[in-house]
Amino acid sequence: MQICNKCNQISPDSEPNCISCGANLSEYSEFAISRKKLIENSRVTAIRISVSKSACPTCRQIEGVYTKQNLPTLPVEGCSNPNGCKCHYAPILDEIFP
């Protein structure tokens, strides 16, 4: 399930737009906002896609570390989890404190 960052409503992973407010979820979902922030953060050197224990086989295939340029978008296309994609972005930092 995707959470719209504009209206806080939940939409199915297969929906390109929020079912409540119509926002483009490729820009305004929590997945998209998180991805953008991590890519723009100069302290983030790479990004890990973490999956839950209940992840489907499709999501398990993309688990791993990616460069900012090769980072897949979430939710994973083809995810078969009945409750929606359970993947998450996690930053990899070289420096923790300034």
PDB file of N, CA and C in Angstrom:
ATOM      1  N   MET A   1       0.830  -1.178   0.000  1.00  0.00           N
ATOM      2  CA  MET A   1       0.000   0.000   0.000  1.00  0.00           C
ATOM      3  C   MET A   1       0.876   1.244   0.000  1.00  0.00           C
ATOM      4  N   GLN A   2       0.427   2.248  -0.721  1.00  0.00           N
ATOM      5  CA  GLN A   2       1.152   3.513  -0.792  1.00  0.00           C
ATOM      6  C   GLN A   2       0.415   4.563   0.036  1.00  0.00           C
ATOM      7  N   ILE A   3       1.170   5.351   0.753  1.00  0.00           N
ATOM      8  CA  ILE A   3       0.576   6.424   1.540  1.00  0.00           C
ATOM      9  C   ILE A   3       0.850   7.734   0.817  1.00  0.00           C
ATOM     10  N   CYS A   4      -0.201   8.481   0.536  1.00  0.00           N
ATOM     11  CA  CYS A   4      -0.089   9.769  -0.138  1.00  0.00           C
ATOM     12  C   CYS A   4       0.437  10.803   0.854  1.00  0.00           C
ATOM     13  N   ASN A   5       1.469  11.517   0.472  1.00  0.00           N
ATOM     14  CA  ASN A   5       2.062  12.531   1.333  1.00  0.00           C
ATOM     15  C   ASN A   5       1.248  13.823   1.349  1.00  0.00           C
ATOM     16  N   LYS A   6       0.309  13.960   0.417  1.00  0.00           N
ATOM     17  CA  LYS A   6      -0.537  15.162   0.389  1.00  0.00           C
ATOM     18  C   LYS A   6      -1.752  15.035   1.304  1.00  0.00           C
ATOM     19  N   CYS A   7      -2.414  13.873   1.276  1.00  0.00           N
ATOM     20  CA  CYS A   7      -3.652  13.736   2.052  1.00  0.00           C
ATOM     21  C   CYS A   7      -3.605  12.626   3.105  1.00  0.00           C
ATOM     22  N   ASN A   8      -2.482  11.908   3.183  1.00  0.00           N
ATOM     23  CA  ASN A   8      -2.293  10.830   4.164  1.00  0.00           C
ATOM     24  C   ASN A   8      -3.225   9.641   3.968  1.00  0.00           C
ATOM     25  N   GLN A   9      -3.775   9.474   2.785  1.00  0.00           N
ATOM     26  CA  GLN A   9      -4.653   8.335   2.521  1.00  0.00           C
ATOM     27  C   GLN A   9      -3.853   7.203   1.893  1.00  0.00           C
ATOM     28  N   ILE A  10      -4.349   5.992   2.020  1.00  0.00           N
ATOM     29  CA  ILE A  10      -3.685   4.801   1.500  1.00  0.00           C
ATOM     30  C   ILE A  10      -4.308   4.411   0.166  1.00  0.00           C
ATOM     31  N   SER A  11      -3.432   4.087  -0.780  1.00  0.00           N
ATOM     32  CA  SER A  11      -3.861   3.605  -2.096  1.00  0.00           C
ATOM     33  C   SER A  11      -3.158   2.283  -2.374  1.00  0.00           C
ATOM     34  N   PRO A  12      -3.772   1.402  -3.154  1.00  0.00           N
ATOM     35  CA  PRO A  12      -3.107   0.147  -3.525  1.00  0.00           C
ATOM     36  C   PRO A  12      -1.819   0.422  -4.307  1.00  0.00           C
ATOM     37  N   ASP A  13      -0.863  -0.517  -4.218  1.00  0.00           N
ATOM     38  CA  ASP A  13       0.405  -0.368  -4.924  1.00  0.00           C
ATOM     39  C   ASP A  13       0.225  -0.199  -6.433  1.00  0.00           C
ATOM     40  N   SER A  14      -0.826  -0.771  -6.978  1.00  0.00           N
ATOM     41  CA  SER A  14      -1.044  -0.732  -8.427  1.00  0.00           C
ATOM     42  C   SER A  14      -1.593   0.607  -8.923  1.00  0.00           C
ATOM     43  N   GLU A  15      -2.014   1.483  -8.027  1.00  0.00           N
ATOM     44  CA  GLU A  15      -2.594   2.767  -8.417  1.00  0.00           C
ATOM     45  C   GLU A  15      -1.503   3.805  -8.688  1.00  0.00           C
ATOM     46  N   PRO A  16      -1.529   4.455  -9.855  1.00  0.00           N
ATOM     47  CA  PRO A  16      -0.550   5.507 -10.135  1.00  0.00           C
ATOM     48  C   PRO A  16      -0.878   6.822  -9.433  1.00  0.00           C
ATOM     49  N   ASN A  17      -2.151   7.021  -9.091  1.00  0.00           N
ATOM     50  CA  ASN A  17      -2.601   8.249  -8.441  1.00  0.00           C
ATOM     51  C   ASN A  17      -3.349   7.911  -7.153  1.00  0.00           C
ATOM     52  N   CYS A  18      -3.275   8.835  -6.211  1.00  0.00           N
ATOM     53  CA  CYS A  18      -3.984   8.671  -4.944  1.00  0.00           C
ATOM     54  C   CYS A  18      -5.477   8.523  -5.212  1.00  0.00           C
ATOM     55  N   ILE A  19      -6.089   7.530  -4.600  1.00  0.00           N
ATOM     56  CA  ILE A  19      -7.515   7.311  -4.829  1.00  0.00           C
ATOM     57  C   ILE A  19      -8.379   8.345  -4.113  1.00  0.00           C
ATOM     58  N   SER A  20      -7.777   9.126  -3.221  1.00  0.00           N
ATOM     59  CA  SER A  20      -8.530  10.143  -2.493  1.00  0.00           C
ATOM     60  C   SER A  20      -8.393  11.529  -3.129  1.00  0.00           C
ATOM     61  N   CYS A  21      -7.146  11.987  -3.310  1.00  0.00           N
ATOM     62  CA  CYS A  21      -6.941  13.357  -3.805  1.00  0.00           C
ATOM     63  C   CYS A  21      -6.436  13.430  -5.240  1.00  0.00           C
ATOM     64  N   GLY A  22      -6.074  12.287  -5.824  1.00  0.00           N
ATOM     65  CA  GLY A  22      -5.620  12.265  -7.212  1.00  0.00           C
ATOM     66  C   GLY A  22      -4.157  12.619  -7.419  1.00  0.00           C
ATOM     67  N   ALA A  23      -3.386  12.806  -6.345  1.00  0.00           N
ATOM     68  CA  ALA A  23      -1.969  13.162  -6.482  1.00  0.00           C
ATOM     69  C   ALA A  23      -1.200  12.046  -7.180  1.00  0.00           C
ATOM     70  N   ASN A  24      -0.215  12.432  -7.972  1.00  0.00           N
ATOM     71  CA  ASN A  24       0.641  11.482  -8.666  1.00  0.00           C
ATOM     72  C   ASN A  24       1.530  10.796  -7.626  1.00  0.00           C
ATOM     73  N   LEU A  25       1.343   9.506  -7.415  1.00  0.00           N
ATOM     74  CA  LEU A  25       2.068   8.797  -6.368  1.00  0.00           C
ATOM     75  C   LEU A  25       3.537   8.555  -6.711  1.00  0.00           C
ATOM     76  N   SER A  26       3.913   8.732  -7.979  1.00  0.00           N
ATOM     77  CA  SER A  26       5.335   8.622  -8.314  1.00  0.00           C
ATOM     78  C   SER A  26       6.100   9.835  -7.801  1.00  0.00           C
ATOM     79  N   GLU A  27       5.379  10.877  -7.403  1.00  0.00           N
ATOM     80  CA  GLU A  27       5.988  12.070  -6.805  1.00  0.00           C
ATOM     81  C   GLU A  27       5.606  12.257  -5.342  1.00  0.00           C
ATOM     82  N   TYR A  28       4.400  11.880  -4.955  1.00  0.00           N
ATOM     83  CA  TYR A  28       3.871  12.236  -3.644  1.00  0.00           C
ATOM     84  C   TYR A  28       3.622  11.073  -2.693  1.00  0.00           C
ATOM     85  N   SER A  29       4.043   9.865  -3.049  1.00  0.00           N
ATOM     86  CA  SER A  29       3.911   8.766  -2.078  1.00  0.00           C
ATOM     87  C   SER A  29       5.062   8.866  -1.086  1.00  0.00           C
ATOM     88  N   GLU A  30       4.913   8.229   0.054  1.00  0.00           N
ATOM     89  CA  GLU A  30       6.000   8.218   1.035  1.00  0.00           C
ATOM     90  C   GLU A  30       7.245   7.552   0.455  1.00  0.00           C
ATOM     91  N   PHE A  31       7.058   6.534  -0.400  1.00  0.00           N
ATOM     92  CA  PHE A  31       8.195   5.899  -1.074  1.00  0.00           C
ATOM     93  C   PHE A  31       8.956   6.930  -1.913  1.00  0.00           C
ATOM     94  N   ALA A  32       8.219   7.699  -2.730  1.00  0.00           N
ATOM     95  CA  ALA A  32       8.842   8.663  -3.637  1.00  0.00           C
ATOM     96  C   ALA A  32       9.543   9.788  -2.878  1.00  0.00           C
ATOM     97  N   ILE A  33       8.923  10.280  -1.829  1.00  0.00           N
ATOM     98  CA  ILE A  33       9.513  11.355  -1.030  1.00  0.00           C
ATOM     99  C   ILE A  33      10.799  10.864  -0.360  1.00  0.00           C
ATOM    100  N   SER A  34      10.756   9.672   0.209  1.00  0.00           N
ATOM    101  CA  SER A  34      11.927   9.096   0.866  1.00  0.00           C
ATOM    102  C   SER A  34      13.065   8.905  -0.132  1.00  0.00           C
ATOM    103  N   ARG A  35      12.744   8.365  -1.304  1.00  0.00           N
ATOM    104  CA  ARG A  35      13.755   8.141  -2.353  1.00  0.00           C
ATOM    105  C   ARG A  35      14.419   9.449  -2.752  1.00  0.00           C
ATOM    106  N   LYS A  36      13.614  10.471  -2.982  1.00  0.00           N
ATOM    107  CA  LYS A  36      14.134  11.777  -3.406  1.00  0.00           C
ATOM    108  C   LYS A  36      15.054  12.377  -2.340  1.00  0.00           C
ATOM    109  N   LYS A  37      14.628  12.329  -1.081  1.00  0.00           N
ATOM    110  CA  LYS A  37      15.445  12.889   0.003  1.00  0.00           C
ATOM    111  C   LYS A  37      16.789  12.172   0.130  1.00  0.00           C
ATOM    112  N   LEU A  38      16.776  10.850   0.013  1.00  0.00           N
ATOM    113  CA  LEU A  38      18.020  10.100   0.119  1.00  0.00           C
ATOM    114  C   LEU A  38      18.961  10.402  -1.042  1.00  0.00           C
ATOM    115  N   ILE A  39      18.429  10.500  -2.237  1.00  0.00           N
ATOM    116  CA  ILE A  39      19.249  10.803  -3.412  1.00  0.00           C
ATOM    117  C   ILE A  39      19.851  12.199  -3.302  1.00  0.00           C
ATOM    118  N   GLU A  40      19.098  13.155  -2.790  1.00  0.00           N
ATOM    119  CA  GLU A  40      19.575  14.539  -2.687  1.00  0.00           C
ATOM    120  C   GLU A  40      20.526  14.766  -1.507  1.00  0.00           C
ATOM    121  N   ASN A  41      20.562  13.872  -0.539  1.00  0.00           N
ATOM    122  CA  ASN A  41      21.404  14.034   0.640  1.00  0.00           C
ATOM    123  C   ASN A  41      22.857  13.711   0.284  1.00  0.00           C
ATOM    124  N   SER A  42      23.738  14.690   0.400  1.00  0.00           N
ATOM    125  CA  SER A  42      25.140  14.507   0.020  1.00  0.00           C
ATOM    126  C   SER A  42      25.884  13.549   0.947  1.00  0.00           C
ATOM    127  N   ARG A  43      25.396  13.328   2.149  1.00  0.00           N
ATOM    128  CA  ARG A  43      26.047  12.397   3.082  1.00  0.00           C
ATOM    129  C   ARG A  43      25.717  10.942   2.795  1.00  0.00           C
ATOM    130  N   VAL A  44      24.672  10.705   2.014  1.00  0.00           N
ATOM    131  CA  VAL A  44      24.284   9.343   1.661  1.00  0.00           C
ATOM    132  C   VAL A  44      25.135   8.896   0.473  1.00  0.00           C
ATOM    133  N   THR A  45      25.897   7.819   0.671  1.00  0.00           N
ATOM    134  CA  THR A  45      26.782   7.338  -0.391  1.00  0.00           C
ATOM    135  C   THR A  45      26.155   6.217  -1.211  1.00  0.00           C
ATOM    136  N   ALA A  46      25.246   5.485  -0.621  1.00  0.00           N
ATOM    137  CA  ALA A  46      24.524   4.406  -1.294  1.00  0.00           C
ATOM    138  C   ALA A  46      23.226   4.187  -0.520  1.00  0.00           C
ATOM    139  N   ILE A  47      22.339   3.386  -1.110  1.00  0.00           N
ATOM    140  CA  ILE A  47      21.040   3.153  -0.479  1.00  0.00           C
ATOM    141  C   ILE A  47      20.734   1.665  -0.508  1.00  0.00           C
ATOM    142  N   ARG A  48      20.322   1.167   0.647  1.00  0.00           N
ATOM    143  CA  ARG A  48      19.958  -0.247   0.765  1.00  0.00           C
ATOM    144  C   ARG A  48      18.449  -0.371   0.648  1.00  0.00           C
ATOM    145  N   ILE A  49      18.005  -1.379  -0.072  1.00  0.00           N
ATOM    146  CA  ILE A  49      16.594  -1.740  -0.049  1.00  0.00           C
ATOM    147  C   ILE A  49      16.484  -2.924   0.898  1.00  0.00           C
ATOM    148  N   SER A  50      15.751  -2.708   1.978  1.00  0.00           N
ATOM    149  CA  SER A  50      15.520  -3.742   2.982  1.00  0.00           C
ATOM    150  C   SER A  50      14.124  -4.317   2.778  1.00  0.00           C
ATOM    151  N   VAL A  51      13.993  -5.596   3.026  1.00  0.00           N
ATOM    152  CA  VAL A  51      12.688  -6.237   2.885  1.00  0.00           C
ATOM    153  C   VAL A  51      12.304  -6.893   4.206  1.00  0.00           C
ATOM    154  N   SER A  52      11.020  -7.024   4.432  1.00  0.00           N
ATOM    155  CA  SER A  52      10.535  -7.647   5.668  1.00  0.00           C
ATOM    156  C   SER A  52      10.634  -9.164   5.562  1.00  0.00           C
ATOM    157  N   LYS A  53      10.457  -9.828   6.691  1.00  0.00           N
ATOM    158  CA  LYS A  53      10.472 -11.296   6.712  1.00  0.00           C
ATOM    159  C   LYS A  53       9.350 -11.874   5.861  1.00  0.00           C
ATOM    160  N   SER A  54       8.256 -11.109   5.728  1.00  0.00           N
ATOM    161  CA  SER A  54       7.108 -11.597   4.958  1.00  0.00           C
ATOM    162  C   SER A  54       7.145 -11.152   3.494  1.00  0.00           C
ATOM    163  N   ALA A  55       8.307 -10.712   3.025  1.00  0.00           N
ATOM    164  CA  ALA A  55       8.416 -10.214   1.650  1.00  0.00           C
ATOM    165  C   ALA A  55       8.164 -11.335   0.642  1.00  0.00           C
ATOM    166  N   CYS A  56       7.595 -10.948  -0.484  1.00  0.00           N
ATOM    167  CA  CYS A  56       7.329 -11.900  -1.560  1.00  0.00           C
ATOM    168  C   CYS A  56       8.640 -12.186  -2.323  1.00  0.00           C
ATOM    169  N   PRO A  57       8.671 -13.202  -3.165  1.00  0.00           N
ATOM    170  CA  PRO A  57       9.879 -13.528  -3.930  1.00  0.00           C
ATOM    171  C   PRO A  57      10.357 -12.381  -4.831  1.00  0.00           C
ATOM    172  N   THR A  58       9.442 -11.624  -5.398  1.00  0.00           N
ATOM    173  CA  THR A  58       9.826 -10.501  -6.258  1.00  0.00           C
ATOM    174  C   THR A  58      10.585  -9.453  -5.461  1.00  0.00           C
ATOM    175  N   CYS A  59      10.123  -9.152  -4.272  1.00  0.00           N
ATOM    176  CA  CYS A  59      10.803  -8.172  -3.426  1.00  0.00           C
ATOM    177  C   CYS A  59      12.146  -8.709  -2.935  1.00  0.00           C
ATOM    178  N   ARG A  60      12.212  -9.983  -2.617  1.00  0.00           N
ATOM    179  CA  ARG A  60      13.478 -10.576  -2.172  1.00  0.00           C
ATOM    180  C   ARG A  60      14.565 -10.429  -3.234  1.00  0.00           C
ATOM    181  N   GLN A  61      14.169 -10.446  -4.504  1.00  0.00           N
ATOM    182  CA  GLN A  61      15.135 -10.331  -5.596  1.00  0.00           C
ATOM    183  C   GLN A  61      15.806  -8.963  -5.663  1.00  0.00           C
ATOM    184  N   ILE A  62      15.133  -7.911  -5.205  1.00  0.00           N
ATOM    185  CA  ILE A  62      15.752  -6.584  -5.294  1.00  0.00           C
ATOM    186  C   ILE A  62      16.426  -6.148  -4.001  1.00  0.00           C
ATOM    187  N   GLU A  63      16.339  -6.983  -2.962  1.00  0.00           N
ATOM    188  CA  GLU A  63      16.998  -6.644  -1.703  1.00  0.00           C
ATOM    189  C   GLU A  63      18.490  -6.475  -1.954  1.00  0.00           C
ATOM    190  N   GLY A  64      19.058  -5.376  -1.414  1.00  0.00           N
ATOM    191  CA  GLY A  64      20.494  -5.162  -1.574  1.00  0.00           C
ATOM    192  C   GLY A  64      20.854  -3.696  -1.555  1.00  0.00           C
ATOM    193  N   VAL A  65      22.113  -3.404  -1.913  1.00  0.00           N
ATOM    194  CA  VAL A  65      22.653  -2.051  -1.895  1.00  0.00           C
ATOM    195  C   VAL A  65      22.752  -1.532  -3.325  1.00  0.00           C
ATOM    196  N   TYR A  66      22.347  -0.271  -3.507  1.00  0.00           N
ATOM    197  CA  TYR A  66      22.330   0.355  -4.823  1.00  0.00           C
ATOM    198  C   TYR A  66      23.008   1.717  -4.776  1.00  0.00           C
ATOM    199  N   THR A  67      23.563   2.120  -5.903  1.00  0.00           N
ATOM    200  CA  THR A  67      24.027   3.495  -6.039  1.00  0.00           C
ATOM    201  C   THR A  67      22.810   4.378  -6.214  1.00  0.00           C
ATOM    202  N   LYS A  68      22.984   5.652  -6.031  1.00  0.00           N
ATOM    203  CA  LYS A  68      21.867   6.584  -6.209  1.00  0.00           C
ATOM    204  C   LYS A  68      21.343   6.545  -7.645  1.00  0.00           C
ATOM    205  N   GLN A  69      22.235   6.332  -8.598  1.00  0.00           N
ATOM    206  CA  GLN A  69      21.860   6.326 -10.008  1.00  0.00           C
ATOM    207  C   GLN A  69      21.083   5.067 -10.405  1.00  0.00           C
ATOM    208  N   ASN A  70      21.264   3.966  -9.695  1.00  0.00           N
ATOM    209  CA  ASN A  70      20.633   2.691 -10.063  1.00  0.00           C
ATOM    210  C   ASN A  70      19.548   2.237  -9.101  1.00  0.00           C
ATOM    211  N   LEU A  71      19.085   3.143  -8.258  1.00  0.00           N
ATOM    212  CA  LEU A  71      18.114   2.790  -7.228  1.00  0.00           C
ATOM    213  C   LEU A  71      16.736   2.508  -7.829  1.00  0.00           C
ATOM    214  N   PRO A  72      16.207   1.291  -7.619  1.00  0.00           N
ATOM    215  CA  PRO A  72      14.858   0.984  -8.095  1.00  0.00           C
ATOM    216  C   PRO A  72      13.805   1.791  -7.331  1.00  0.00           C
ATOM    217  N   THR A  73      12.677   1.985  -7.962  1.00  0.00           N
ATOM    218  CA  THR A  73      11.580   2.671  -7.289  1.00  0.00           C
ATOM    219  C   THR A  73      10.748   1.660  -6.501  1.00  0.00           C
ATOM    220  N   LEU A  74      10.159   2.152  -5.442  1.00  0.00           N
ATOM    221  CA  LEU A  74       9.229   1.369  -4.641  1.00  0.00           C
ATOM    222  C   LEU A  74       7.859   1.995  -4.767  1.00  0.00           C
ATOM    223  N   PRO A  75       6.787   1.236  -4.697  1.00  0.00           N
ATOM    224  CA  PRO A  75       6.689  -0.185  -4.441  1.00  0.00           C
ATOM    225  C   PRO A  75       7.201  -1.011  -5.624  1.00  0.00           C
ATOM    226  N   VAL A  76       7.642  -2.219  -5.340  1.00  0.00           N
ATOM    227  CA  VAL A  76       8.186  -3.108  -6.354  1.00  0.00           C
ATOM    228  C   VAL A  76       7.070  -3.552  -7.290  1.00  0.00           C
ATOM    229  N   GLU A  77       7.281  -3.338  -8.583  1.00  0.00           N
ATOM    230  CA  GLU A  77       6.293  -3.787  -9.560  1.00  0.00           C
ATOM    231  C   GLU A  77       6.244  -5.310  -9.539  1.00  0.00           C
ATOM    232  N   GLY A  78       5.062  -5.855  -9.421  1.00  0.00           N
ATOM    233  CA  GLY A  78       4.897  -7.302  -9.378  1.00  0.00           C
ATOM    234  C   GLY A  78       4.896  -7.879  -7.976  1.00  0.00           C
ATOM    235  N   CYS A  79       4.964  -7.025  -6.963  1.00  0.00           N
ATOM    236  CA  CYS A  79       4.916  -7.499  -5.575  1.00  0.00           C
ATOM    237  C   CYS A  79       3.593  -8.236  -5.364  1.00  0.00           C
ATOM    238  N   SER A  80       3.681  -9.406  -4.752  1.00  0.00           N
ATOM    239  CA  SER A  80       2.471 -10.213  -4.544  1.00  0.00           C
ATOM    240  C   SER A  80       2.014 -10.244  -3.088  1.00  0.00           C
ATOM    241  N   ASN A  81       2.607  -9.414  -2.238  1.00  0.00           N
ATOM    242  CA  ASN A  81       2.183  -9.368  -0.844  1.00  0.00           C
ATOM    243  C   ASN A  81       0.763  -8.804  -0.794  1.00  0.00           C
ATOM    244  N   PRO A  82      -0.186  -9.502  -0.179  1.00  0.00           N
ATOM    245  CA  PRO A  82      -1.572  -9.033  -0.163  1.00  0.00           C
ATOM    246  C   PRO A  82      -1.759  -7.686   0.540  1.00  0.00           C
ATOM    247  N   ASN A  83      -0.858  -7.329   1.438  1.00  0.00           N
ATOM    248  CA  ASN A  83      -0.948  -6.046   2.137  1.00  0.00           C
ATOM    249  C   ASN A  83      -0.078  -4.970   1.501  1.00  0.00           C
ATOM    250  N   GLY A  84       0.456  -5.227   0.330  1.00  0.00           N
ATOM    251  CA  GLY A  84       1.289  -4.257  -0.369  1.00  0.00           C
ATOM    252  C   GLY A  84       2.766  -4.461  -0.093  1.00  0.00           C
ATOM    253  N   CYS A  85       3.565  -3.762  -0.847  1.00  0.00           N
ATOM    254  CA  CYS A  85       5.021  -3.872  -0.772  1.00  0.00           C
ATOM    255  C   CYS A  85       5.521  -3.466   0.610  1.00  0.00           C
ATOM    256  N   LYS A  86       6.372  -4.299   1.187  1.00  0.00           N
ATOM    257  CA  LYS A  86       6.919  -4.054   2.522  1.00  0.00           C
ATOM    258  C   LYS A  86       8.407  -3.712   2.476  1.00  0.00           C
ATOM    259  N   CYS A  87       8.883  -3.248   1.328  1.00  0.00           N
ATOM    260  CA  CYS A  87      10.288  -2.855   1.190  1.00  0.00           C
ATOM    261  C   CYS A  87      10.483  -1.443   1.739  1.00  0.00           C
ATOM    262  N   HIS A  88      11.733  -1.139   2.094  1.00  0.00           N
ATOM    263  CA  HIS A  88      12.061   0.184   2.616  1.00  0.00           C
ATOM    264  C   HIS A  88      13.437   0.593   2.135  1.00  0.00           C
ATOM    265  N   TYR A  89      13.624   1.900   1.972  1.00  0.00           N
ATOM    266  CA  TYR A  89      14.941   2.458   1.674  1.00  0.00           C
ATOM    267  C   TYR A  89      15.667   2.721   2.993  1.00  0.00           C
ATOM    268  N   ALA A  90      16.963   2.455   3.004  1.00  0.00           N
ATOM    269  CA  ALA A  90      17.793   2.755   4.167  1.00  0.00           C
ATOM    270  C   ALA A  90      19.108   3.366   3.676  1.00  0.00           C
ATOM    271  N   PRO A  91      19.507   4.506   4.231  1.00  0.00           N
ATOM    272  CA  PRO A  91      20.732   5.168   3.764  1.00  0.00           C
ATOM    273  C   PRO A  91      21.989   4.445   4.228  1.00  0.00           C
ATOM    274  N   ILE A  92      23.016   4.551   3.423  1.00  0.00           N
ATOM    275  CA  ILE A  92      24.352   4.124   3.821  1.00  0.00           C
ATOM    276  C   ILE A  92      25.209   5.378   3.844  1.00  0.00           C
ATOM    277  N   LEU A  93      25.791   5.650   5.011  1.00  0.00           N
ATOM    278  CA  LEU A  93      26.550   6.877   5.219  1.00  0.00           C
ATOM    279  C   LEU A  93      28.018   6.565   5.477  1.00  0.00           C
ATOM    280  N   ASP A  94      28.901   7.416   4.955  1.00  0.00           N
ATOM    281  CA  ASP A  94      30.317   7.328   5.302  1.00  0.00           C
ATOM    282  C   ASP A  94      30.593   8.114   6.577  1.00  0.00           C
ATOM    283  N   GLU A  95      29.792   9.141   6.787  1.00  0.00           N
ATOM    284  CA  GLU A  95      29.985  10.032   7.924  1.00  0.00           C
ATOM    285  C   GLU A  95      28.659  10.180   8.650  1.00  0.00           C
ATOM    286  N   ILE A  96      28.647   9.922   9.951  1.00  0.00           N
ATOM    287  CA  ILE A  96      27.405  10.008  10.707  1.00  0.00           C
ATOM    288  C   ILE A  96      27.184  11.397  11.276  1.00  0.00           C
ATOM    289  N   PHE A  97      28.224  11.979  11.854  1.00  0.00           N
ATOM    290  CA  PHE A  97      28.093  13.305  12.459  1.00  0.00           C
ATOM    291  C   PHE A  97      28.994  14.298  11.712  1.00  0.00           C
ATOM    292  N   PRO A  98      28.572  15.580  11.656  1.00  0.00           N
ATOM    293  CA  PRO A  98      29.405  16.590  10.982  1.00  0.00           C
ATOM    294  C   PRO A  98      30.706  16.838  11.683  1.00  0.00           C
TER     295      PRO A  98
END
